[in-house]
Amino acid sequence: MSPTIYLVRHAEAAHNVAKDFNLRDPGLTELGFTQAAAIATAFPALDSVAVILTSPLRRTIETTIAGFGDIIKKDSPDPAELILDPDLQERSAEPCDTGSEVAVLQQRFPDLDFSALSEGWYIKEGPYTADDEAVAARAKRVRLKLLELSTGPFVETASGIEKKDIVVVTHGVFMKFLAQDETIDLLKAGWKAFKFAAGAVGGHEEDTLVPVGI
């Protein structure tokens, strides 16, 4: 059976409450940390997660650590791989949707690997321009990356569980482009499960994400 891909929205962040979009790369609120921590007990398939792709903004990183921290610890059995992917950053060029310098992130999250980020990864120019065409293009890059990850190889744990599922922690507006669904509007720290369409069945492209019931 093909891997399940879970799109996860970050938990409540400071700008969501203050409605102050001039806050640069805000972190989670106290409620946001509670929402994110609840993922650890409510998520349906932690044991089968092989890879977690996360937007490098502070609120998505904090959501990932609070919700999935136990399965990305390097000393945990068969830890899930954590990939910080700048393509997953939010659409707009508002300060709240603009990430932090690599050095700032390294200081805030010293245990994480930021080698995949260039020094100017957060600048909303070129591939990260805040317009629909550029955002749709990077959403497609993410889907193709997910499609490649979905081909394995997969790991079977000592308990016989095959680790192959993928988690994507991202933002509400970018998720619409990623899922190619303008109506998707998850709750803070909410998730939705998808699989890739089988080839071009029903007119779908190979990289089309299809919702599934979990």
Foldseek 3Di string as FASTA:
>chain_A
DWAKEKEWEFFAWPCVVVVDLQDALTAHDPVRLVLLLVLQVPPDPLPQAAEEEFAQRRRRVSSCCNNNVQQQPPPHFNRHHYHHDLLQQDQDPGNNRFHDFPVVSCVVPVVDDPVVDDRRSRDCDDLNPRDPVSLLVSLVVVLVVVVVLRVDDWDAGPVGHIHRYYYYYHHQVSVCSNQVHPPDGAHHRDIFIWDFDDDCPPNDHRSHTHTDDD
